């Protein structure tokens, strides 16, 4: 109770001695009173605990608000007290309402969750969802005969204007550079981005049929492989590179510029992305397994939720199933 109510008293052992002394005193005064005194102290401790958990946060909040007003040279009014109290009481009511709803309809919540989640969960390796959907339905066109408009092509990266990567001065077509602050808290390690830099120069894509130019504006580089990563001075440095001869798949708007076929951002579908073929093939191989896992987990969850939700009784050789409402 000392920490809950912020009591300060001396000596510290006072309560540890007072309670058993009272129990013994009542037992001496009259037999069997000791057990009633013990029960009364238990109930009193329980009540004080509930009051402390519900009231003391409000008291501390009012004290903190009063200190803030005093620092600002303002006077705390009854309106301010009522406003702080109202917010606190509203929060308690909201928490109790949520607890009641979850207690009454938790199986129903699970049922709805297992039905809805599969409709929205699209697992992909950090890529753009629109890109992942389109790559599954668009045919891969040869570069020489690609039709104008939204298209998908696959080929090897050809260097036109080189870049020097921040780490190691490696010559590349594009890079993604990120610096993260490392934080350790209660045995867990977390990373917070403090600096990121993405650059891409004009390059070409080549397959067995031809070559096309790729404009870097609004190009989304997905799942580039990590080239360098290390930790130093409480920070983690990560560098991803797009290198010449990397095989990639590109989805965007096929257009002509100066008599040459170029790829650019597609304004209608709002897609323009590139992904290494190796990472994309790995994703496409694992996607059926992931979809099956989501499906079977959802079906199992729905069955369990229905069992918990329905009233099922077996009476006189008959199985009775009824809704809870």
C-alpha atoms as a PDB file:
ATOM      1  CA  UNK A   1       0.000   0.000   0.000  1.00  0.00           C
ATOM      2  CA  UNK A   2       2.933   2.336   0.590  1.00  0.00           C
ATOM      3  CA  UNK A   3       3.806   2.475  -3.105  1.00  0.00           C
ATOM      4  CA  UNK A   4       0.167   2.512  -4.214  1.00  0.00           C
ATOM      5  CA  UNK A   5      -0.891   5.425  -2.023  1.00  0.00           C
ATOM      6  CA  UNK A   6       2.559   7.067  -1.867  1.00  0.00           C
ATOM      7  CA  UNK A   7       2.504   6.961   1.927  1.00  0.00           C
ATOM      8  CA  UNK A   8       5.625   7.905   3.849  1.00  0.00           C
ATOM      9  CA  UNK A   9       5.817   6.740   7.447  1.00  0.00           C
ATOM     10  CA  UNK A  10       8.439   5.676   9.942  1.00  0.00           C
ATOM     11  CA  UNK A  11       9.341   3.166  11.111  1.00  0.00           C
ATOM     12  CA  UNK A  12       8.898   1.071   7.969  1.00  0.00           C
ATOM     13  CA  UNK A  13       8.073  -2.066   9.935  1.00  0.00           C
ATOM     14  CA  UNK A  14       4.995  -0.451  11.527  1.00  0.00           C
ATOM     15  CA  UNK A  15       2.361  -2.178   9.372  1.00  0.00           C
ATOM     16  CA  UNK A  16       4.213  -5.488   9.436  1.00  0.00           C
ATOM     17  CA  UNK A  17       3.909  -5.496  13.252  1.00  0.00           C
ATOM     18  CA  UNK A  18       0.566  -3.725  13.639  1.00  0.00           C
ATOM     19  CA  UNK A  19      -1.635  -6.220  11.772  1.00  0.00           C
ATOM     20  CA  UNK A  20      -0.558  -9.421  13.597  1.00  0.00           C
ATOM     21  CA  UNK A  21      -0.645  -7.486  16.889  1.00  0.00           C
ATOM     22  CA  UNK A  22      -4.277  -6.513  16.296  1.00  0.00           C
ATOM     23  CA  UNK A  23      -5.207 -10.098  15.432  1.00  0.00           C
ATOM     24  CA  UNK A  24      -3.551 -11.416  18.598  1.00  0.00           C
ATOM     25  CA  UNK A  25      -5.147  -8.673  20.728  1.00  0.00           C
ATOM     26  CA  UNK A  26      -8.670  -9.492  19.505  1.00  0.00           C
ATOM     27  CA  UNK A  27      -8.005 -13.191  20.079  1.00  0.00           C
ATOM     28  CA  UNK A  28      -6.965 -12.438  23.686  1.00  0.00           C
ATOM     29  CA  UNK A  29      -9.973 -10.195  24.307  1.00  0.00           C
ATOM     30  CA  UNK A  30     -12.374 -12.875  23.143  1.00  0.00           C
ATOM     31  CA  UNK A  31     -11.777 -16.258  21.540  1.00  0.00           C
ATOM     32  CA  UNK A  32     -12.683 -16.533  17.844  1.00  0.00           C
ATOM     33  CA  UNK A  33     -12.426 -12.753  17.405  1.00  0.00           C
ATOM     34  CA  UNK A  34      -8.917 -13.202  16.001  1.00  0.00           C
ATOM     35  CA  UNK A  35     -10.176 -14.991  12.889  1.00  0.00           C
ATOM     36  CA  UNK A  36     -12.785 -12.257  12.297  1.00  0.00           C
ATOM     37  CA  UNK A  37     -10.087  -9.594  12.712  1.00  0.00           C
ATOM     38  CA  UNK A  38      -7.922 -11.440  10.170  1.00  0.00           C
ATOM     39  CA  UNK A  39     -10.801 -11.620   7.666  1.00  0.00           C
ATOM     40  CA  UNK A  40     -11.625  -7.949   8.250  1.00  0.00           C
ATOM     41  CA  UNK A  41      -8.004  -6.941   7.592  1.00  0.00           C
ATOM     42  CA  UNK A  42      -7.998  -9.060   4.411  1.00  0.00           C
ATOM     43  CA  UNK A  43     -11.199  -7.423   3.137  1.00  0.00           C
ATOM     44  CA  UNK A  44      -9.865  -3.971   4.086  1.00  0.00           C
ATOM     45  CA  UNK A  45      -6.633  -4.623   2.203  1.00  0.00           C
ATOM     46  CA  UNK A  46      -8.615  -5.812  -0.823  1.00  0.00           C
ATOM     47  CA  UNK A  47     -10.861  -2.728  -0.776  1.00  0.00           C
ATOM     48  CA  UNK A  48      -7.903  -0.371  -0.305  1.00  0.00           C
ATOM     49  CA  UNK A  49      -6.189  -2.058  -3.234  1.00  0.00           C
ATOM     50  CA  UNK A  50      -9.174  -1.549  -5.535  1.00  0.00           C
ATOM     51  CA  UNK A  51      -9.599   2.055  -4.418  1.00  0.00           C
ATOM     52  CA  UNK A  52      -5.905   2.698  -4.847  1.00  0.00           C
ATOM     53  CA  UNK A  53      -5.817   1.271  -8.360  1.00  0.00           C
ATOM     54  CA  UNK A  54      -8.866   3.285  -9.452  1.00  0.00           C
ATOM     55  CA  UNK A  55      -8.559   6.551  -7.518  1.00  0.00           C
ATOM     56  CA  UNK A  56      -4.846   7.153  -7.005  1.00  0.00           C
ATOM     57  CA  UNK A  57      -4.019   7.501 -10.751  1.00  0.00           C
ATOM     58  CA  UNK A  58      -6.638  10.270 -10.906  1.00  0.00           C
ATOM     59  CA  UNK A  59      -5.189  11.965  -7.807  1.00  0.00           C
ATOM     60  CA  UNK A  60      -1.677  11.826  -9.256  1.00  0.00           C
ATOM     61  CA  UNK A  61      -2.954  13.169 -12.585  1.00  0.00           C
ATOM     62  CA  UNK A  62      -4.643  16.098 -10.817  1.00  0.00           C
ATOM     63  CA  UNK A  63      -1.474  16.838  -8.858  1.00  0.00           C
ATOM     64  CA  UNK A  64       0.621  16.772 -12.049  1.00  0.00           C
ATOM     65  CA  UNK A  65      -1.888  19.073 -13.802  1.00  0.00           C
ATOM     66  CA  UNK A  66      -1.769  21.475 -10.855  1.00  0.00           C
ATOM     67  CA  UNK A  67       2.039  21.596 -11.015  1.00  0.00           C
ATOM     68  CA  UNK A  68       1.901  22.302 -14.764  1.00  0.00           C
ATOM     69  CA  UNK A  69      -0.577  25.145 -14.213  1.00  0.00           C
ATOM     70  CA  UNK A  70       1.572  26.618 -11.430  1.00  0.00           C
ATOM     71  CA  UNK A  71       4.647  26.553 -13.656  1.00  0.00           C
ATOM     72  CA  UNK A  72       2.671  28.351 -16.367  1.00  0.00           C
ATOM     73  CA  UNK A  73       1.435  30.912 -13.878  1.00  0.00           C
ATOM     74  CA  UNK A  74      -2.187  29.787 -14.203  1.00  0.00           C
ATOM     75  CA  UNK A  75      -4.792  28.936 -11.602  1.00  0.00           C
ATOM     76  CA  UNK A  76      -6.395  25.529 -11.651  1.00  0.00           C
ATOM     77  CA  UNK A  77     -10.187  25.885 -11.714  1.00  0.00           C
ATOM     78  CA  UNK A  78     -13.043  23.531 -10.970  1.00  0.00           C
ATOM     79  CA  UNK A  79     -13.642  23.275 -14.731  1.00  0.00           C
ATOM     80  CA  UNK A  80     -10.112  21.922 -15.219  1.00  0.00           C
ATOM     81  CA  UNK A  81     -10.597  19.426 -12.380  1.00  0.00           C
ATOM     82  CA  UNK A  82     -13.868  18.291 -13.920  1.00  0.00           C
ATOM     83  CA  UNK A  83     -12.306  17.970 -17.364  1.00  0.00           C
ATOM     84  CA  UNK A  84      -9.406  15.810 -16.101  1.00  0.00           C
ATOM     85  CA  UNK A  85     -11.784  13.724 -13.975  1.00  0.00           C
ATOM     86  CA  UNK A  86     -14.192  13.275 -16.874  1.00  0.00           C
ATOM     87  CA  UNK A  87     -11.463  12.004 -19.177  1.00  0.00           C
ATOM     88  CA  UNK A  88     -10.250   9.586 -16.519  1.00  0.00           C
ATOM     89  CA  UNK A  89     -13.734   8.243 -15.757  1.00  0.00           C
ATOM     90  CA  UNK A  90     -14.476   7.919 -19.476  1.00  0.00           C
ATOM     91  CA  UNK A  91     -11.302   5.894 -19.895  1.00  0.00           C
ATOM     92  CA  UNK A  92     -12.280   3.533 -17.053  1.00  0.00           C
ATOM     93  CA  UNK A  93     -15.784   3.100 -18.498  1.00  0.00           C
ATOM     94  CA  UNK A  94     -14.340   2.377 -21.955  1.00  0.00           C
ATOM     95  CA  UNK A  95     -11.942  -0.246 -20.530  1.00  0.00           C
ATOM     96  CA  UNK A  96     -14.761  -1.915 -18.561  1.00  0.00           C
ATOM     97  CA  UNK A  97     -17.004  -1.899 -21.647  1.00  0.00           C
ATOM     98  CA  UNK A  98     -14.284  -3.488 -23.769  1.00  0.00           C
ATOM     99  CA  UNK A  99     -13.641  -6.127 -21.084  1.00  0.00           C
ATOM    100  CA  UNK A 100     -17.374  -6.881 -20.878  1.00  0.00           C
ATOM    101  CA  UNK A 101     -17.765  -7.151 -24.654  1.00  0.00           C
ATOM    102  CA  UNK A 102     -14.722  -9.383 -24.957  1.00  0.00           C
ATOM    103  CA  UNK A 103     -15.901 -11.548 -22.065  1.00  0.00           C
ATOM    104  CA  UNK A 104     -19.355 -12.000 -23.560  1.00  0.00           C
ATOM    105  CA  UNK A 105     -18.548 -12.252 -27.257  1.00  0.00           C
ATOM    106  CA  UNK A 106     -14.902 -13.338 -27.416  1.00  0.00           C
ATOM    107  CA  UNK A 107     -15.732 -16.473 -29.435  1.00  0.00           C
ATOM    108  CA  UNK A 108     -17.751 -14.309 -31.840  1.00  0.00           C
ATOM    109  CA  UNK A 109     -14.805 -11.937 -32.200  1.00  0.00           C
ATOM    110  CA  UNK A 110     -12.538 -14.873 -32.964  1.00  0.00           C
ATOM    111  CA  UNK A 111     -15.040 -16.181 -35.500  1.00  0.00           C
ATOM    112  CA  UNK A 112     -15.221 -12.847 -37.325  1.00  0.00           C
ATOM    113  CA  UNK A 113     -11.444 -12.495 -37.137  1.00  0.00           C
ATOM    114  CA  UNK A 114     -10.768 -15.876 -38.718  1.00  0.00           C
ATOM    115  CA  UNK A 115     -13.253 -15.056 -41.481  1.00  0.00           C
ATOM    116  CA  UNK A 116     -11.988 -11.530 -42.200  1.00  0.00           C
ATOM    117  CA  UNK A 117      -8.229 -11.949 -41.797  1.00  0.00           C
ATOM    118  CA  UNK A 118      -7.752 -14.252 -44.824  1.00  0.00           C
ATOM    119  CA  UNK A 119      -9.516 -11.662 -46.988  1.00  0.00           C
ATOM    120  CA  UNK A 120      -6.930  -8.995 -46.158  1.00  0.00           C
ATOM    121  CA  UNK A 121      -3.719 -10.902 -45.460  1.00  0.00           C
ATOM    122  CA  UNK A 122      -1.415 -10.834 -48.487  1.00  0.00           C
ATOM    123  CA  UNK A 123       1.976 -12.151 -47.567  1.00  0.00           C
ATOM    124  CA  UNK A 124       4.878 -10.803 -49.660  1.00  0.00           C
ATOM    125  CA  UNK A 125       8.576 -10.222 -48.942  1.00  0.00           C
ATOM    126  CA  UNK A 126       8.303  -6.492 -48.244  1.00  0.00           C
ATOM    127  CA  UNK A 127       7.124  -5.765 -51.757  1.00  0.00           C
ATOM    128  CA  UNK A 128       4.377  -3.569 -53.085  1.00  0.00           C
ATOM    129  CA  UNK A 129       1.073  -5.467 -52.986  1.00  0.00           C
ATOM    130  CA  UNK A 130      -0.110  -4.086 -56.301  1.00  0.00           C
ATOM    131  CA  UNK A 131       3.119  -5.253 -57.924  1.00  0.00           C
ATOM    132  CA  UNK A 132       2.787  -8.728 -56.383  1.00  0.00           C
ATOM    133  CA  UNK A 133      -0.771  -9.088 -57.660  1.00  0.00           C
ATOM    134  CA  UNK A 134       0.055  -7.870 -61.174  1.00  0.00           C
ATOM    135  CA  UNK A 135       3.120 -10.072 -61.602  1.00  0.00           C
ATOM    136  CA  UNK A 136       0.892 -13.083 -60.996  1.00  0.00           C
ATOM    137  CA  UNK A 137      -1.565 -12.206 -63.797  1.00  0.00           C
ATOM    138  CA  UNK A 138       0.426 -10.234 -66.387  1.00  0.00           C
ATOM    139  CA  UNK A 139       2.235 -12.181 -69.120  1.00  0.00           C
ATOM    140  CA  UNK A 140       5.965 -11.523 -69.408  1.00  0.00           C
ATOM    141  CA  UNK A 141       6.519  -9.804 -72.757  1.00  0.00           C
ATOM    142  CA  UNK A 142       9.659 -10.009 -74.896  1.00  0.00           C
ATOM    143  CA  UNK A 143      11.300  -6.580 -74.963  1.00  0.00           C
ATOM    144  CA  UNK A 144      11.337  -6.346 -78.757  1.00  0.00           C
ATOM    145  CA  UNK A 145       7.568  -6.906 -79.074  1.00  0.00           C
ATOM    146  CA  UNK A 146       6.291  -5.370 -75.834  1.00  0.00           C
ATOM    147  CA  UNK A 147       2.938  -3.640 -76.307  1.00  0.00           C
ATOM    148  CA  UNK A 148       2.534  -0.019 -75.276  1.00  0.00           C
ATOM    149  CA  UNK A 149       0.771   0.400 -71.949  1.00  0.00           C
ATOM    150  CA  UNK A 150       0.936  -1.560 -68.724  1.00  0.00           C
ATOM    151  CA  UNK A 151       3.436  -4.347 -69.276  1.00  0.00           C
ATOM    152  CA  UNK A 152       5.799  -6.764 -67.602  1.00  0.00           C
ATOM    153  CA  UNK A 153       9.300  -7.531 -68.867  1.00  0.00           C
ATOM    154  CA  UNK A 154      12.210  -9.524 -67.515  1.00  0.00           C
ATOM    155  CA  UNK A 155      15.888  -9.201 -68.355  1.00  0.00           C
ATOM    156  CA  UNK A 156      19.396  -8.325 -67.212  1.00  0.00           C
ATOM    157  CA  UNK A 157      20.367  -4.867 -65.969  1.00  0.00           C
ATOM    158  CA  UNK A 158      22.670  -2.913 -68.302  1.00  0.00           C
ATOM    159  CA  UNK A 159      24.712  -0.061 -66.824  1.00  0.00           C
ATOM    160  CA  UNK A 160      24.358   3.365 -68.488  1.00  0.00           C
ATOM    161  CA  UNK A 161      25.165   5.890 -65.746  1.00  0.00           C
ATOM    162  CA  UNK A 162      27.054   4.428 -62.805  1.00  0.00           C
ATOM    163  CA  UNK A 163      26.700   5.303 -59.123  1.00  0.00           C
ATOM    164  CA  UNK A 164      29.199   4.832 -56.305  1.00  0.00           C
ATOM    165  CA  UNK A 165      27.696   3.082 -53.299  1.00  0.00           C
ATOM    166  CA  UNK A 166      28.185   4.804 -49.900  1.00  0.00           C
ATOM    167  CA  UNK A 167      29.885   1.726 -48.438  1.00  0.00           C
ATOM    168  CA  UNK A 168      32.909   0.452 -50.334  1.00  0.00           C
ATOM    169  CA  UNK A 169      32.497   2.772 -53.350  1.00  0.00           C
ATOM    170  CA  UNK A 170      31.089  -0.121 -55.366  1.00  0.00           C
ATOM    171  CA  UNK A 171      29.990   0.803 -58.892  1.00  0.00           C
ATOM    172  CA  UNK A 172      26.254   0.122 -59.163  1.00  0.00           C
ATOM    173  CA  UNK A 173      23.044   1.125 -60.961  1.00  0.00           C
ATOM    174  CA  UNK A 174      21.079   1.907 -57.777  1.00  0.00           C
ATOM    175  CA  UNK A 175      21.508   1.665 -54.021  1.00  0.00           C
ATOM    176  CA  UNK A 176      19.443   1.787 -50.847  1.00  0.00           C
ATOM    177  CA  UNK A 177      21.406   2.978 -47.832  1.00  0.00           C
ATOM    178  CA  UNK A 178      20.029   2.972 -44.285  1.00  0.00           C
ATOM    179  CA  UNK A 179      21.437   3.897 -40.879  1.00  0.00           C
ATOM    180  CA  UNK A 180      19.591   2.608 -37.805  1.00  0.00           C
ATOM    181  CA  UNK A 181      20.074   3.389 -34.129  1.00  0.00           C
ATOM    182  CA  UNK A 182      20.424   0.267 -31.978  1.00  0.00           C
ATOM    183  CA  UNK A 183      18.490   0.262 -28.706  1.00  0.00           C
ATOM    184  CA  UNK A 184      18.580  -2.446 -26.036  1.00  0.00           C
ATOM    185  CA  UNK A 185      15.617  -2.618 -23.661  1.00  0.00           C
ATOM    186  CA  UNK A 186      14.936  -5.473 -21.230  1.00  0.00           C
ATOM    187  CA  UNK A 187      16.874  -7.982 -23.275  1.00  0.00           C
ATOM    188  CA  UNK A 188      15.275  -6.938 -26.564  1.00  0.00           C
ATOM    189  CA  UNK A 189      17.069  -5.216 -29.398  1.00  0.00           C
ATOM    190  CA  UNK A 190      15.220  -2.682 -31.546  1.00  0.00           C
ATOM    191  CA  UNK A 191      16.308  -0.590 -34.517  1.00  0.00           C
ATOM    192  CA  UNK A 192      15.165   2.946 -35.315  1.00  0.00           C
ATOM    193  CA  UNK A 193      15.958   4.478 -38.708  1.00  0.00           C
ATOM    194  CA  UNK A 194      17.858   7.741 -38.365  1.00  0.00           C
ATOM    195  CA  UNK A 195      18.938   8.135 -42.001  1.00  0.00           C
ATOM    196  CA  UNK A 196      17.947   6.570 -45.310  1.00  0.00           C
ATOM    197  CA  UNK A 197      18.999   7.309 -48.859  1.00  0.00           C
ATOM    198  CA  UNK A 198      17.801   5.800 -52.155  1.00  0.00           C
ATOM    199  CA  UNK A 199      19.361   6.625 -55.511  1.00  0.00           C
ATOM    200  CA  UNK A 200      18.923   5.187 -58.974  1.00  0.00           C
ATOM    201  CA  UNK A 201      20.357   6.274 -62.327  1.00  0.00           C
ATOM    202  CA  UNK A 202      19.052   5.657 -65.821  1.00  0.00           C
ATOM    203  CA  UNK A 203      19.745   2.100 -66.943  1.00  0.00           C
ATOM    204  CA  UNK A 204      18.645  -0.402 -69.570  1.00  0.00           C
ATOM    205  CA  UNK A 205      17.072  -3.825 -69.464  1.00  0.00           C
ATOM    206  CA  UNK A 206      18.121  -6.480 -71.945  1.00  0.00           C
ATOM    207  CA  UNK A 207      16.741  -9.884 -72.848  1.00  0.00           C
ATOM    208  CA  UNK A 208      17.351 -12.177 -75.800  1.00  0.00           C
ATOM    209  CA  UNK A 209      15.134 -10.063 -78.064  1.00  0.00           C
ATOM    210  CA  UNK A 210      16.254  -6.492 -77.420  1.00  0.00           C
ATOM    211  CA  UNK A 211      17.040  -3.599 -75.075  1.00  0.00           C
ATOM    212  CA  UNK A 212      14.849  -0.908 -73.513  1.00  0.00           C
ATOM    213  CA  UNK A 213      15.655   2.126 -71.377  1.00  0.00           C
ATOM    214  CA  UNK A 214      14.293   2.482 -67.842  1.00  0.00           C
ATOM    215  CA  UNK A 215      13.632   5.887 -66.306  1.00  0.00           C
ATOM    216  CA  UNK A 216      14.390   6.029 -62.558  1.00  0.00           C
ATOM    217  CA  UNK A 217      11.675   8.541 -61.577  1.00  0.00           C
ATOM    218  CA  UNK A 218       9.165   6.945 -59.144  1.00  0.00           C
ATOM    219  CA  UNK A 219      10.750   3.520 -59.652  1.00  0.00           C
ATOM    220  CA  UNK A 220      10.197   1.322 -56.600  1.00  0.00           C
ATOM    221  CA  UNK A 221      13.099  -1.057 -55.988  1.00  0.00           C
ATOM    222  CA  UNK A 222      11.805  -4.114 -54.146  1.00  0.00           C
ATOM    223  CA  UNK A 223      13.775  -6.679 -52.161  1.00  0.00           C
ATOM    224  CA  UNK A 224      17.231  -5.718 -53.358  1.00  0.00           C
ATOM    225  CA  UNK A 225      19.799  -8.088 -51.826  1.00  0.00           C
ATOM    226  CA  UNK A 226      21.931  -6.826 -48.942  1.00  0.00           C
ATOM    227  CA  UNK A 227      25.428  -6.007 -50.152  1.00  0.00           C
ATOM    228  CA  UNK A 228      26.965  -4.836 -46.862  1.00  0.00           C
ATOM    229  CA  UNK A 229      25.709  -4.693 -43.290  1.00  0.00           C
ATOM    230  CA  UNK A 230      27.604  -4.002 -40.082  1.00  0.00           C
ATOM    231  CA  UNK A 231      27.234  -2.428 -36.644  1.00  0.00           C
ATOM    232  CA  UNK A 232      29.435   0.342 -35.284  1.00  0.00           C
ATOM    233  CA  UNK A 233      29.093   2.980 -32.573  1.00  0.00           C
ATOM    234  CA  UNK A 234      25.590   1.928 -31.538  1.00  0.00           C
ATOM    235  CA  UNK A 235      24.304   2.039 -35.110  1.00  0.00           C
ATOM    236  CA  UNK A 236      23.611  -0.494 -37.845  1.00  0.00           C
ATOM    237  CA  UNK A 237      24.540   0.301 -41.438  1.00  0.00           C
ATOM    238  CA  UNK A 238      22.803  -1.540 -44.282  1.00  0.00           C
ATOM    239  CA  UNK A 239      23.434  -1.231 -48.004  1.00  0.00           C
ATOM    240  CA  UNK A 240      21.415  -2.858 -50.799  1.00  0.00           C
ATOM    241  CA  UNK A 241      22.589  -2.672 -54.417  1.00  0.00           C
ATOM    242  CA  UNK A 242      21.233  -3.116 -57.932  1.00  0.00           C
ATOM    243  CA  UNK A 243      24.240  -4.246 -59.952  1.00  0.00           C
ATOM    244  CA  UNK A 244      24.891  -4.700 -63.678  1.00  0.00           C
ATOM    245  CA  UNK A 245      23.835  -8.111 -65.027  1.00  0.00           C
ATOM    246  CA  UNK A 246      21.307  -8.623 -62.200  1.00  0.00           C
ATOM    247  CA  UNK A 247      18.242 -10.387 -63.599  1.00  0.00           C
ATOM    248  CA  UNK A 248      15.085  -8.506 -62.621  1.00  0.00           C
ATOM    249  CA  UNK A 249      11.381  -8.333 -63.404  1.00  0.00           C
ATOM    250  CA  UNK A 250       9.936  -4.900 -64.172  1.00  0.00           C
ATOM    251  CA  UNK A 251       6.298  -3.770 -64.275  1.00  0.00           C
ATOM    252  CA  UNK A 252       5.367  -0.324 -65.502  1.00  0.00           C
ATOM    253  CA  UNK A 253       4.215   1.738 -68.450  1.00  0.00           C
ATOM    254  CA  UNK A 254       5.819   0.845 -71.799  1.00  0.00           C
ATOM    255  CA  UNK A 255       6.145   4.007 -73.880  1.00  0.00           C
ATOM    256  CA  UNK A 256       8.177   5.426 -76.748  1.00  0.00           C
ATOM    257  CA  UNK A 257      10.618   8.300 -76.484  1.00  0.00           C
ATOM    258  CA  UNK A 258      12.727   9.403 -79.432  1.00  0.00           C
ATOM    259  CA  UNK A 259      11.841   6.249 -81.315  1.00  0.00           C
ATOM    260  CA  UNK A 260      13.053   4.052 -78.447  1.00  0.00           C
ATOM    261  CA  UNK A 261      10.989   1.921 -76.069  1.00  0.00           C
ATOM    262  CA  UNK A 262      11.218   3.139 -72.490  1.00  0.00           C
ATOM    263  CA  UNK A 263       9.589   2.157 -69.234  1.00  0.00           C
ATOM    264  CA  UNK A 264       8.099   4.723 -66.829  1.00  0.00           C
ATOM    265  CA  UNK A 265       5.538   5.153 -64.025  1.00  0.00           C
ATOM    266  CA  UNK A 266       2.024   3.909 -64.885  1.00  0.00           C
ATOM    267  CA  UNK A 267      -0.423   6.640 -63.886  1.00  0.00           C
ATOM    268  CA  UNK A 268      -3.677   4.631 -63.900  1.00  0.00           C
ATOM    269  CA  UNK A 269      -2.645   1.538 -61.952  1.00  0.00           C
ATOM    270  CA  UNK A 270      -0.062   3.606 -60.046  1.00  0.00           C
ATOM    271  CA  UNK A 271       2.592   0.942 -60.324  1.00  0.00           C
ATOM    272  CA  UNK A 272       6.233   1.088 -61.353  1.00  0.00           C
ATOM    273  CA  UNK A 273       8.399  -1.436 -59.589  1.00  0.00           C
ATOM    274  CA  UNK A 274      11.345  -3.723 -60.083  1.00  0.00           C
ATOM    275  CA  UNK A 275      12.267  -6.883 -58.200  1.00  0.00           C
ATOM    276  CA  UNK A 276      15.160  -9.339 -58.570  1.00  0.00           C
ATOM    277  CA  UNK A 277      13.974 -12.494 -60.320  1.00  0.00           C
ATOM    278  CA  UNK A 278      15.568 -14.751 -57.701  1.00  0.00           C
ATOM    279  CA  UNK A 279      13.606 -13.161 -54.834  1.00  0.00           C
ATOM    280  CA  UNK A 280      10.396 -13.173 -56.884  1.00  0.00           C
ATOM    281  CA  UNK A 281      10.756 -16.859 -57.804  1.00  0.00           C
ATOM    282  CA  UNK A 282      11.292 -17.700 -54.140  1.00  0.00           C
ATOM    283  CA  UNK A 283       8.137 -15.804 -53.223  1.00  0.00           C
ATOM    284  CA  UNK A 284       6.051 -17.474 -55.951  1.00  0.00           C
ATOM    285  CA  UNK A 285       7.219 -20.917 -54.780  1.00  0.00           C
ATOM    286  CA  UNK A 286       6.304 -20.235 -51.153  1.00  0.00           C
ATOM    287  CA  UNK A 287       3.017 -18.395 -51.789  1.00  0.00           C
ATOM    288  CA  UNK A 288       0.864 -21.555 -52.321  1.00  0.00           C
ATOM    289  CA  UNK A 289       2.152 -22.952 -49.026  1.00  0.00           C
ATOM    290  CA  UNK A 290       1.422 -19.664 -47.243  1.00  0.00           C
ATOM    291  CA  UNK A 291      -2.072 -19.487 -48.752  1.00  0.00           C
ATOM    292  CA  UNK A 292      -2.759 -23.079 -47.698  1.00  0.00           C
ATOM    293  CA  UNK A 293      -1.538 -22.334 -44.170  1.00  0.00           C
ATOM    294  CA  UNK A 294      -3.812 -19.281 -43.927  1.00  0.00           C
ATOM    295  CA  UNK A 295      -6.758 -21.291 -45.295  1.00  0.00           C
ATOM    296  CA  UNK A 296      -6.370 -24.271 -42.952  1.00  0.00           C
ATOM    297  CA  UNK A 297      -5.685 -22.042 -39.940  1.00  0.00           C
ATOM    298  CA  UNK A 298      -8.794 -20.004 -40.700  1.00  0.00           C
ATOM    299  CA  UNK A 299     -10.999 -23.097 -41.132  1.00  0.00           C
ATOM    300  CA  UNK A 300      -9.691 -24.559 -37.872  1.00  0.00           C
ATOM    301  CA  UNK A 301     -10.223 -21.225 -36.104  1.00  0.00           C
ATOM    302  CA  UNK A 302     -13.793 -20.963 -37.431  1.00  0.00           C
ATOM    303  CA  UNK A 303     -14.612 -24.486 -36.209  1.00  0.00           C
ATOM    304  CA  UNK A 304     -13.170 -23.813 -32.741  1.00  0.00           C
ATOM    305  CA  UNK A 305     -14.976 -20.444 -32.544  1.00  0.00           C
ATOM    306  CA  UNK A 306     -18.296 -22.072 -33.465  1.00  0.00           C
ATOM    307  CA  UNK A 307     -17.798 -24.732 -30.791  1.00  0.00           C
ATOM    308  CA  UNK A 308     -17.150 -22.025 -28.192  1.00  0.00           C
ATOM    309  CA  UNK A 309     -19.937 -19.782 -29.469  1.00  0.00           C
ATOM    310  CA  UNK A 310     -22.801 -22.277 -29.780  1.00  0.00           C
ATOM    311  CA  UNK A 311     -24.680 -23.898 -26.915  1.00  0.00           C
ATOM    312  CA  UNK A 312     -24.244 -27.620 -27.454  1.00  0.00           C
ATOM    313  CA  UNK A 313     -26.057 -30.141 -25.231  1.00  0.00           C
ATOM    314  CA  UNK A 314     -26.552 -33.882 -25.469  1.00  0.00           C
ATOM    315  CA  UNK A 315     -29.816 -34.816 -23.784  1.00  0.00           C
ATOM    316  CA  UNK A 316     -31.681 -38.133 -24.005  1.00  0.00           C
ATOM    317  CA  UNK A 317     -29.708 -39.304 -27.000  1.00  0.00           C
ATOM    318  CA  UNK A 318     -30.256 -36.085 -28.921  1.00  0.00           C
ATOM    319  CA  UNK A 319     -27.709 -33.377 -29.746  1.00  0.00           C
ATOM    320  CA  UNK A 320     -29.102 -29.864 -29.223  1.00  0.00           C
ATOM    321  CA  UNK A 321     -27.300 -26.925 -30.872  1.00  0.00           C
ATOM    322  CA  UNK A 322     -28.503 -23.375 -30.295  1.00  0.00           C
ATOM    323  CA  UNK A 323     -27.226 -19.862 -30.862  1.00  0.00           C
ATOM    324  CA  UNK A 324     -26.157 -17.920 -27.750  1.00  0.00           C
ATOM    325  CA  UNK A 325     -28.585 -15.050 -28.399  1.00  0.00           C
END
